[in-house]
Amino acid sequence: QVQLVESGGGLVQPGGSLRLSCAVSGSFLSILTMGWYRQAPGKQRELVAVITTSDVTSYVDSVKGRFTISRDNAKNTEYLQMNSLKPEDTAVYYCNARSIRYSGRSADSWGQGTQVTVSS
């Protein structure tokens, strides 16, 4: 089993910042790609940012220049620094990690989700 525990969500005013964290634990050999998704009410879940084992990053256009994804491999933790937040960033944010299990197969795991609300 692989567990992902998120933290850092909350209520922030437009223009403010938040930093999300996601700690990965459990039985796995290594972590491959890590990412952050979000789901707003009435909308489908969308990929926000992803980071590879080589620290190559990719972002959805709507957050480019404002959000930064990073990872600390020693701590098996990923982060999402969110700056210049807008009301349209309001959503439940989920972290994702693809890991190699002891079986040799890779599998995706998800965090429980953390609410981010941007409102004055």
C-alpha atoms as a PDB file:
ATOM      1  CA  GLN A   1       0.000   0.000   0.000  1.00  0.00           C
ATOM      2  CA  VAL A   2       1.072   3.525  -0.766  1.00  0.00           C
ATOM      3  CA  GLN A   3      -0.393   6.485   1.104  1.00  0.00           C
ATOM      4  CA  LEU A   4      -0.364  10.160   0.154  1.00  0.00           C
ATOM      5  CA  VAL A   5      -1.125  12.770   2.801  1.00  0.00           C
ATOM      6  CA  GLU A   6      -1.761  16.341   1.724  1.00  0.00           C
ATOM      7  CA  SER A   7      -1.612  19.536   3.734  1.00  0.00           C
ATOM      8  CA  GLY A   8      -1.602  23.274   3.202  1.00  0.00           C
ATOM      9  CA  GLY A   9      -5.009  24.097   1.788  1.00  0.00           C
ATOM     10  CA  GLY A  10      -7.262  26.830   3.106  1.00  0.00           C
ATOM     11  CA  LEU A  11      -8.924  30.168   2.481  1.00  0.00           C
ATOM     12  CA  VAL A  12      -6.899  32.961   0.894  1.00  0.00           C
ATOM     13  CA  GLN A  13      -7.710  36.323  -0.630  1.00  0.00           C
ATOM     14  CA  PRO A  14      -7.201  36.963  -4.348  1.00  0.00           C
ATOM     15  CA  GLY A  15      -3.557  37.709  -5.017  1.00  0.00           C
ATOM     16  CA  GLY A  16      -2.449  35.659  -2.045  1.00  0.00           C
ATOM     17  CA  SER A  17      -0.296  32.555  -1.831  1.00  0.00           C
ATOM     18  CA  LEU A  18      -0.548  29.019  -0.513  1.00  0.00           C
ATOM     19  CA  ARG A  19       1.846  26.091  -0.445  1.00  0.00           C
ATOM     20  CA  LEU A  20       0.516  22.555  -0.686  1.00  0.00           C
ATOM     21  CA  SER A  21       2.523  19.549   0.462  1.00  0.00           C
ATOM     22  CA  CYS A  22       2.058  15.863  -0.221  1.00  0.00           C
ATOM     23  CA  ALA A  23       4.016  13.215   1.673  1.00  0.00           C
ATOM     24  CA  VAL A  24       4.239   9.715   0.188  1.00  0.00           C
ATOM     25  CA  SER A  25       4.705   6.662   2.405  1.00  0.00           C
ATOM     26  CA  GLY A  26       4.231   2.907   2.285  1.00  0.00           C
ATOM     27  CA  SER A  27       5.627   0.017   0.273  1.00  0.00           C
ATOM     28  CA  PHE A  28       7.314   1.003  -2.949  1.00  0.00           C
ATOM     29  CA  LEU A  29      10.726   0.835  -4.601  1.00  0.00           C
ATOM     30  CA  SER A  30      10.771   4.300  -6.084  1.00  0.00           C
ATOM     31  CA  ILE A  31       8.538   7.199  -7.072  1.00  0.00           C
ATOM     32  CA  LEU A  32       8.315   8.191 -10.713  1.00  0.00           C
ATOM     33  CA  THR A  33       6.168  11.100 -11.873  1.00  0.00           C
ATOM     34  CA  MET A  34       4.409  13.243  -9.285  1.00  0.00           C
ATOM     35  CA  GLY A  35       1.616  15.658  -9.971  1.00  0.00           C
ATOM     36  CA  TRP A  36      -1.189  17.861  -8.736  1.00  0.00           C
ATOM     37  CA  TYR A  37      -4.760  17.807 -10.001  1.00  0.00           C
ATOM     38  CA  ARG A  38      -7.766  19.905  -9.062  1.00  0.00           C
ATOM     39  CA  GLN A  39     -11.513  19.612  -9.315  1.00  0.00           C
ATOM     40  CA  ALA A  40     -13.854  22.572  -9.056  1.00  0.00           C
ATOM     41  CA  PRO A  41     -17.577  22.130  -8.331  1.00  0.00           C
ATOM     42  CA  GLY A  42     -19.397  20.910 -11.420  1.00  0.00           C
ATOM     43  CA  LYS A  43     -16.191  20.436 -13.393  1.00  0.00           C
ATOM     44  CA  GLN A  44     -13.986  17.520 -14.318  1.00  0.00           C
ATOM     45  CA  ARG A  45     -10.707  16.900 -12.551  1.00  0.00           C
ATOM     46  CA  GLU A  46      -7.850  18.548 -14.414  1.00  0.00           C
ATOM     47  CA  LEU A  47      -4.095  18.159 -14.317  1.00  0.00           C
ATOM     48  CA  VAL A  48      -2.488  21.271 -12.862  1.00  0.00           C
ATOM     49  CA  ALA A  49       1.216  20.419 -12.788  1.00  0.00           C
ATOM     50  CA  VAL A  50       3.511  17.431 -13.111  1.00  0.00           C
ATOM     51  CA  ILE A  51       7.171  16.802 -12.313  1.00  0.00           C
ATOM     52  CA  THR A  52       9.316  13.925 -13.514  1.00  0.00           C
ATOM     53  CA  THR A  53      12.199  12.145 -11.821  1.00  0.00           C
ATOM     54  CA  SER A  54      14.520  14.495 -13.724  1.00  0.00           C
ATOM     55  CA  ASP A  55      12.684  17.544 -12.347  1.00  0.00           C
ATOM     56  CA  VAL A  56      11.173  18.351 -15.726  1.00  0.00           C
ATOM     57  CA  THR A  57       7.939  20.222 -15.063  1.00  0.00           C
ATOM     58  CA  SER A  58       4.777  20.924 -17.002  1.00  0.00           C
ATOM     59  CA  TYR A  59       1.793  23.118 -16.187  1.00  0.00           C
ATOM     60  CA  VAL A  60      -1.704  23.756 -17.428  1.00  0.00           C
ATOM     61  CA  ASP A  61      -1.758  27.105 -19.234  1.00  0.00           C
ATOM     62  CA  SER A  62      -4.001  28.782 -16.651  1.00  0.00           C
ATOM     63  CA  VAL A  63      -1.375  28.485 -13.877  1.00  0.00           C
ATOM     64  CA  LYS A  64       1.849  29.046 -15.796  1.00  0.00           C
ATOM     65  CA  GLY A  65       3.958  31.746 -14.179  1.00  0.00           C
ATOM     66  CA  ARG A  66       1.958  31.553 -10.942  1.00  0.00           C
ATOM     67  CA  PHE A  67       2.329  27.965  -9.662  1.00  0.00           C
ATOM     68  CA  THR A  68       5.531  26.016  -9.102  1.00  0.00           C
ATOM     69  CA  ILE A  69       5.726  22.269  -8.546  1.00  0.00           C
ATOM     70  CA  SER A  70       8.750  20.752  -6.816  1.00  0.00           C
ATOM     71  CA  ARG A  71       9.780  17.552  -5.096  1.00  0.00           C
ATOM     72  CA  ASP A  72      12.134  16.455  -2.342  1.00  0.00           C
ATOM     73  CA  ASN A  73      13.134  12.894  -3.140  1.00  0.00           C
ATOM     74  CA  ALA A  74      14.841  12.394   0.223  1.00  0.00           C
ATOM     75  CA  LYS A  75      11.527  13.100   1.947  1.00  0.00           C
ATOM     76  CA  ASN A  76       9.282  11.487  -0.710  1.00  0.00           C
ATOM     77  CA  THR A  77       7.344  14.735  -0.760  1.00  0.00           C
ATOM     78  CA  GLU A  78       6.027  16.995  -3.470  1.00  0.00           C
ATOM     79  CA  TYR A  79       4.976  20.609  -3.201  1.00  0.00           C
ATOM     80  CA  LEU A  80       2.832  23.088  -5.081  1.00  0.00           C
ATOM     81  CA  GLN A  81       3.634  26.748  -4.475  1.00  0.00           C
ATOM     82  CA  MET A  82       0.665  28.818  -5.597  1.00  0.00           C
ATOM     83  CA  ASN A  83       1.106  32.569  -6.004  1.00  0.00           C
ATOM     84  CA  SER A  84      -1.155  35.316  -7.335  1.00  0.00           C
ATOM     85  CA  LEU A  85      -4.166  33.147  -6.614  1.00  0.00           C
ATOM     86  CA  LYS A  86      -7.423  33.884  -8.408  1.00  0.00           C
ATOM     87  CA  PRO A  87     -11.019  32.967  -7.527  1.00  0.00           C
ATOM     88  CA  GLU A  88     -11.005  30.539 -10.458  1.00  0.00           C
ATOM     89  CA  ASP A  89      -8.267  28.565  -8.689  1.00  0.00           C
ATOM     90  CA  THR A  90     -10.835  27.528  -6.094  1.00  0.00           C
ATOM     91  CA  ALA A  91     -11.052  23.743  -6.103  1.00  0.00           C
ATOM     92  CA  VAL A  92     -10.180  20.583  -4.257  1.00  0.00           C
ATOM     93  CA  TYR A  93      -6.536  19.821  -5.002  1.00  0.00           C
ATOM     94  CA  TYR A  94      -5.329  16.218  -5.194  1.00  0.00           C
ATOM     95  CA  CYS A  95      -1.765  14.999  -5.306  1.00  0.00           C
ATOM     96  CA  ASN A  96      -0.777  12.001  -7.376  1.00  0.00           C
ATOM     97  CA  ALA A  97       2.299   9.801  -7.433  1.00  0.00           C
ATOM     98  CA  ARG A  98       3.245   6.966  -9.742  1.00  0.00           C
ATOM     99  CA  SER A  99       5.480   4.485  -7.957  1.00  0.00           C
ATOM    100  CA  ILE A 100       7.251   1.234  -8.710  1.00  0.00           C
ATOM    101  CA  ARG A 101       5.945  -1.466  -6.355  1.00  0.00           C
ATOM    102  CA  TYR A 102       7.872  -4.472  -5.087  1.00  0.00           C
ATOM    103  CA  SER A 103       6.021  -6.514  -7.705  1.00  0.00           C
ATOM    104  CA  GLY A 104       7.945  -4.548 -10.328  1.00  0.00           C
ATOM    105  CA  ARG A 105       4.801  -2.903 -11.633  1.00  0.00           C
ATOM    106  CA  SER A 106       4.005   0.776 -11.503  1.00  0.00           C
ATOM    107  CA  ALA A 107       0.773   2.131 -10.070  1.00  0.00           C
ATOM    108  CA  ASP A 108      -0.825   5.485  -9.339  1.00  0.00           C
ATOM    109  CA  SER A 109      -1.814   6.618  -5.858  1.00  0.00           C
ATOM    110  CA  TRP A 110      -3.884   9.610  -4.794  1.00  0.00           C
ATOM    111  CA  GLY A 111      -4.130  11.916  -1.838  1.00  0.00           C
ATOM    112  CA  GLN A 112      -7.405  12.563  -0.059  1.00  0.00           C
ATOM    113  CA  GLY A 113      -7.729  16.084  -1.433  1.00  0.00           C
ATOM    114  CA  THR A 114      -7.368  19.485   0.183  1.00  0.00           C
ATOM    115  CA  GLN A 115      -9.716  22.428  -0.315  1.00  0.00           C
ATOM    116  CA  VAL A 116      -8.321  25.673  -1.685  1.00  0.00           C
ATOM    117  CA  THR A 117     -10.710  28.627  -1.634  1.00  0.00           C
ATOM    118  CA  VAL A 118      -9.766  31.987  -3.096  1.00  0.00           C
ATOM    119  CA  SER A 119     -12.226  34.648  -2.020  1.00  0.00           C
ATOM    120  CA  SER A 120     -12.353  38.126  -0.573  1.00  0.00           C
END
